[in-house]
C-alpha cells in the first residue's frame, strides 16, 4: 500500500473514496451518517479527526448557515490517486490470464449481483420506514 494511503486508516479511506466519487454533490455530515450507518456522534468524531489530519475541510454553504459541506483537501486527493493506482495494480493481478470476454462476463455478473443487493436494500428500507435516496451516490459516473 502506498505510504500516503496509510494515513487513511479504517473508515477514513471509505469516506475519502465516497467524497471523491461524489465531488459533484454537496455532502454533509448527515450524508455520511446515512451512507455509513453511523450515529451523529460517531460521524462527528471521525470527521473531526479527518479534519485534524488535514484530509477534509468543512465549508459553510450560502443557503443554510447551519450546514457545512465536506470537501477533500489536496492531501486527501493524493491519497485518492494512490488508492486508485493501487487498485489498478490489484485489478491487473486479479485479471491476469482472463480474456476480454471473460472479464466482460464477470463484470456483467457482478453488476447484476450489485443491482440485486441494492434492490434488497431499497425494499428493506421501504418496509422499515427508512429514508432512501433513489440516486445511488456510491457509484462513479458511467458505472
C-alpha atoms as a PDB file:
ATOM      1  CA  UNK A   1       0.000   0.000   0.000  1.00  0.00           C
ATOM      2  CA  UNK A   2       1.331   3.455  -0.826  1.00  0.00           C
ATOM      3  CA  UNK A   3       2.735   5.395   2.143  1.00  0.00           C
ATOM      4  CA  UNK A   4       0.249   8.255   1.781  1.00  0.00           C
ATOM      5  CA  UNK A   5      -2.704   5.865   1.822  1.00  0.00           C
ATOM      6  CA  UNK A   6      -1.658   4.528   5.236  1.00  0.00           C
ATOM      7  CA  UNK A   7      -2.813   7.810   6.734  1.00  0.00           C
ATOM      8  CA  UNK A   8      -6.351   6.995   5.614  1.00  0.00           C
ATOM      9  CA  UNK A   9      -6.994   4.378   8.273  1.00  0.00           C
ATOM     10  CA  UNK A  10     -10.117   2.278   8.704  1.00  0.00           C
ATOM     11  CA  UNK A  11     -13.282   4.038   7.659  1.00  0.00           C
ATOM     12  CA  UNK A  12     -11.374   7.157   6.624  1.00  0.00           C
ATOM     13  CA  UNK A  13     -10.415   5.558   3.307  1.00  0.00           C
ATOM     14  CA  UNK A  14     -14.048   4.664   2.624  1.00  0.00           C
ATOM     15  CA  UNK A  15     -15.174   8.205   3.400  1.00  0.00           C
ATOM     16  CA  UNK A  16     -12.395   9.675   1.255  1.00  0.00           C
ATOM     17  CA  UNK A  17     -13.347   7.459  -1.687  1.00  0.00           C
ATOM     18  CA  UNK A  18     -17.037   8.292  -1.197  1.00  0.00           C
ATOM     19  CA  UNK A  19     -16.282  12.024  -1.201  1.00  0.00           C
ATOM     20  CA  UNK A  20     -14.045  11.686  -4.259  1.00  0.00           C
ATOM     21  CA  UNK A  21     -16.753   9.835  -6.189  1.00  0.00           C
ATOM     22  CA  UNK A  22     -19.325  12.462  -5.270  1.00  0.00           C
ATOM     23  CA  UNK A  23     -17.460  15.709  -5.895  1.00  0.00           C
ATOM     24  CA  UNK A  24     -20.401  16.941  -7.966  1.00  0.00           C
ATOM     25  CA  UNK A  25     -22.736  16.768  -4.936  1.00  0.00           C
ATOM     26  CA  UNK A  26     -22.868  18.664  -1.693  1.00  0.00           C
ATOM     27  CA  UNK A  27     -22.015  16.150   1.019  1.00  0.00           C
ATOM     28  CA  UNK A  28     -22.745  16.970   4.656  1.00  0.00           C
ATOM     29  CA  UNK A  29     -22.245  15.151   7.939  1.00  0.00           C
ATOM     30  CA  UNK A  30     -25.792  13.753   7.797  1.00  0.00           C
ATOM     31  CA  UNK A  31     -24.976  12.280   4.362  1.00  0.00           C
ATOM     32  CA  UNK A  32     -22.023  10.422   5.909  1.00  0.00           C
ATOM     33  CA  UNK A  33     -24.225   9.252   8.799  1.00  0.00           C
ATOM     34  CA  UNK A  34     -26.781   7.779   6.394  1.00  0.00           C
ATOM     35  CA  UNK A  35     -24.323   6.305   3.901  1.00  0.00           C
ATOM     36  CA  UNK A  36     -22.163   4.598   6.518  1.00  0.00           C
ATOM     37  CA  UNK A  37     -24.959   3.842   9.019  1.00  0.00           C
ATOM     38  CA  UNK A  38     -23.241   5.594  11.919  1.00  0.00           C
ATOM     39  CA  UNK A  39     -24.561   7.796  14.691  1.00  0.00           C
ATOM     40  CA  UNK A  40     -24.249  11.552  14.680  1.00  0.00           C
ATOM     41  CA  UNK A  41     -21.587  11.429  17.415  1.00  0.00           C
ATOM     42  CA  UNK A  42     -19.529   8.803  15.568  1.00  0.00           C
ATOM     43  CA  UNK A  43     -19.663  10.746  12.307  1.00  0.00           C
ATOM     44  CA  UNK A  44     -18.764  13.949  14.132  1.00  0.00           C
ATOM     45  CA  UNK A  45     -15.776  12.314  15.833  1.00  0.00           C
ATOM     46  CA  UNK A  46     -14.477  10.667  12.638  1.00  0.00           C
ATOM     47  CA  UNK A  47     -14.871  13.837  10.579  1.00  0.00           C
ATOM     48  CA  UNK A  48     -13.184  15.934  13.285  1.00  0.00           C
ATOM     49  CA  UNK A  49     -10.188  13.573  13.238  1.00  0.00           C
ATOM     50  CA  UNK A  50     -10.069  13.669   9.441  1.00  0.00           C
ATOM     51  CA  UNK A  51     -10.166  17.455   9.603  1.00  0.00           C
ATOM     52  CA  UNK A  52      -7.344  17.452  12.178  1.00  0.00           C
ATOM     53  CA  UNK A  53      -5.258  15.211   9.870  1.00  0.00           C
ATOM     54  CA  UNK A  54      -5.819  17.680   7.041  1.00  0.00           C
ATOM     55  CA  UNK A  55      -7.869  15.256   4.918  1.00  0.00           C
ATOM     56  CA  UNK A  56     -11.081  17.308   4.773  1.00  0.00           C
ATOM     57  CA  UNK A  57     -12.347  20.816   5.344  1.00  0.00           C
ATOM     58  CA  UNK A  58     -15.880  21.832   6.244  1.00  0.00           C
ATOM     59  CA  UNK A  59     -17.128  24.769   4.212  1.00  0.00           C
ATOM     60  CA  UNK A  60     -20.246  26.789   5.049  1.00  0.00           C
ATOM     61  CA  UNK A  61     -22.965  26.867   2.407  1.00  0.00           C
ATOM     62  CA  UNK A  62     -24.800  30.028   1.414  1.00  0.00           C
ATOM     63  CA  UNK A  63     -28.322  28.600   1.558  1.00  0.00           C
ATOM     64  CA  UNK A  64     -28.139  27.358   5.186  1.00  0.00           C
ATOM     65  CA  UNK A  65     -25.703  28.679   7.786  1.00  0.00           C
ATOM     66  CA  UNK A  66     -26.163  25.521   9.885  1.00  0.00           C
ATOM     67  CA  UNK A  67     -24.770  23.242   7.169  1.00  0.00           C
ATOM     68  CA  UNK A  68     -21.115  22.626   6.425  1.00  0.00           C
ATOM     69  CA  UNK A  69     -20.184  20.939   3.158  1.00  0.00           C
ATOM     70  CA  UNK A  70     -17.423  18.332   3.499  1.00  0.00           C
ATOM     71  CA  UNK A  71     -14.648  18.774   0.927  1.00  0.00           C
ATOM     72  CA  UNK A  72     -11.453  16.804   0.328  1.00  0.00           C
ATOM     73  CA  UNK A  73      -8.122  18.569   0.649  1.00  0.00           C
ATOM     74  CA  UNK A  74      -5.131  18.222  -1.657  1.00  0.00           C
ATOM     75  CA  UNK A  75      -3.645  15.789   0.851  1.00  0.00           C
ATOM     76  CA  UNK A  76      -6.720  13.551   0.523  1.00  0.00           C
ATOM     77  CA  UNK A  77      -6.634  13.907  -3.268  1.00  0.00           C
ATOM     78  CA  UNK A  78      -3.092  12.481  -3.226  1.00  0.00           C
ATOM     79  CA  UNK A  79      -4.399   9.537  -1.189  1.00  0.00           C
ATOM     80  CA  UNK A  80      -7.229   9.023  -3.704  1.00  0.00           C
ATOM     81  CA  UNK A  81      -4.669   8.893  -6.521  1.00  0.00           C
ATOM     82  CA  UNK A  82      -2.516   6.395  -4.614  1.00  0.00           C
ATOM     83  CA  UNK A  83      -5.514   4.204  -3.765  1.00  0.00           C
ATOM     84  CA  UNK A  84      -6.625   4.280  -7.411  1.00  0.00           C
ATOM     85  CA  UNK A  85      -3.145   3.289  -8.616  1.00  0.00           C
ATOM     86  CA  UNK A  86      -3.034   0.502  -6.033  1.00  0.00           C
ATOM     87  CA  UNK A  87      -6.486  -0.674  -7.139  1.00  0.00           C
ATOM     88  CA  UNK A  88      -5.401  -0.660 -10.784  1.00  0.00           C
ATOM     89  CA  UNK A  89      -2.361  -2.820  -9.936  1.00  0.00           C
ATOM     90  CA  UNK A  90      -4.528  -5.220  -7.934  1.00  0.00           C
ATOM     91  CA  UNK A  91      -7.061  -5.440 -10.759  1.00  0.00           C
ATOM     92  CA  UNK A  92      -4.295  -6.223 -13.252  1.00  0.00           C
ATOM     93  CA  UNK A  93      -3.110  -9.055 -10.991  1.00  0.00           C
ATOM     94  CA  UNK A  94      -6.613 -10.435 -10.488  1.00  0.00           C
ATOM     95  CA  UNK A  95      -7.460 -10.390 -14.182  1.00  0.00           C
ATOM     96  CA  UNK A  96      -4.173 -11.902 -15.337  1.00  0.00           C
ATOM     97  CA  UNK A  97      -4.910 -14.624 -17.895  1.00  0.00           C
ATOM     98  CA  UNK A  98      -8.560 -13.595 -18.392  1.00  0.00           C
ATOM     99  CA  UNK A  99      -9.797 -12.943 -21.904  1.00  0.00           C
ATOM    100  CA  UNK A 100     -11.693  -9.729 -22.616  1.00  0.00           C
ATOM    101  CA  UNK A 101     -14.847 -11.828 -22.971  1.00  0.00           C
ATOM    102  CA  UNK A 102     -14.308 -13.414 -19.540  1.00  0.00           C
ATOM    103  CA  UNK A 103     -13.680 -10.003 -17.984  1.00  0.00           C
ATOM    104  CA  UNK A 104     -16.894  -8.708 -19.556  1.00  0.00           C
ATOM    105  CA  UNK A 105     -18.917 -11.684 -18.323  1.00  0.00           C
ATOM    106  CA  UNK A 106     -17.593 -11.299 -14.788  1.00  0.00           C
ATOM    107  CA  UNK A 107     -18.249  -7.560 -14.861  1.00  0.00           C
ATOM    108  CA  UNK A 108     -21.842  -8.154 -16.003  1.00  0.00           C
ATOM    109  CA  UNK A 109     -22.443 -10.785 -13.308  1.00  0.00           C
ATOM    110  CA  UNK A 110     -21.042  -8.557 -10.571  1.00  0.00           C
ATOM    111  CA  UNK A 111     -23.180  -5.620 -11.693  1.00  0.00           C
ATOM    112  CA  UNK A 112     -26.281  -7.804 -11.658  1.00  0.00           C
ATOM    113  CA  UNK A 113     -25.388  -9.009  -8.156  1.00  0.00           C
ATOM    114  CA  UNK A 114     -24.913  -5.394  -7.036  1.00  0.00           C
ATOM    115  CA  UNK A 115     -28.301  -4.471  -8.502  1.00  0.00           C
ATOM    116  CA  UNK A 116     -29.865  -7.346  -6.528  1.00  0.00           C
ATOM    117  CA  UNK A 117     -28.261  -6.121  -3.303  1.00  0.00           C
ATOM    118  CA  UNK A 118     -29.359  -2.537  -3.981  1.00  0.00           C
ATOM    119  CA  UNK A 119     -32.931  -3.664  -4.687  1.00  0.00           C
ATOM    120  CA  UNK A 120     -32.988  -5.712  -1.475  1.00  0.00           C
ATOM    121  CA  UNK A 121     -31.716  -2.715   0.497  1.00  0.00           C
ATOM    122  CA  UNK A 122     -34.364  -0.443  -1.034  1.00  0.00           C
ATOM    123  CA  UNK A 123     -37.051  -2.985  -0.204  1.00  0.00           C
ATOM    124  CA  UNK A 124     -35.817  -3.318   3.377  1.00  0.00           C
ATOM    125  CA  UNK A 125     -35.684   0.446   3.852  1.00  0.00           C
ATOM    126  CA  UNK A 126     -39.173   0.874   2.381  1.00  0.00           C
ATOM    127  CA  UNK A 127     -40.606  -1.818   4.667  1.00  0.00           C
ATOM    128  CA  UNK A 128     -38.968  -0.304   7.740  1.00  0.00           C
ATOM    129  CA  UNK A 129     -39.837   3.315   7.011  1.00  0.00           C
ATOM    130  CA  UNK A 130     -36.253   4.329   6.464  1.00  0.00           C
ATOM    131  CA  UNK A 131     -35.302   7.244   4.279  1.00  0.00           C
ATOM    132  CA  UNK A 132     -33.797   6.194   0.964  1.00  0.00           C
ATOM    133  CA  UNK A 133     -32.182   8.364  -1.684  1.00  0.00           C
ATOM    134  CA  UNK A 134     -33.106   6.853  -5.045  1.00  0.00           C
ATOM    135  CA  UNK A 135     -29.888   8.076  -6.657  1.00  0.00           C
ATOM    136  CA  UNK A 136     -27.035   5.735  -5.750  1.00  0.00           C
ATOM    137  CA  UNK A 137     -24.373   8.135  -4.544  1.00  0.00           C
ATOM    138  CA  UNK A 138     -21.795   5.392  -4.040  1.00  0.00           C
ATOM    139  CA  UNK A 139     -21.256   4.814  -7.745  1.00  0.00           C
ATOM    140  CA  UNK A 140     -18.938   6.683 -10.017  1.00  0.00           C
ATOM    141  CA  UNK A 141     -20.305   8.396 -13.101  1.00  0.00           C
ATOM    142  CA  UNK A 142     -20.676   5.991 -16.008  1.00  0.00           C
ATOM    143  CA  UNK A 143     -20.573   2.906 -13.819  1.00  0.00           C
END
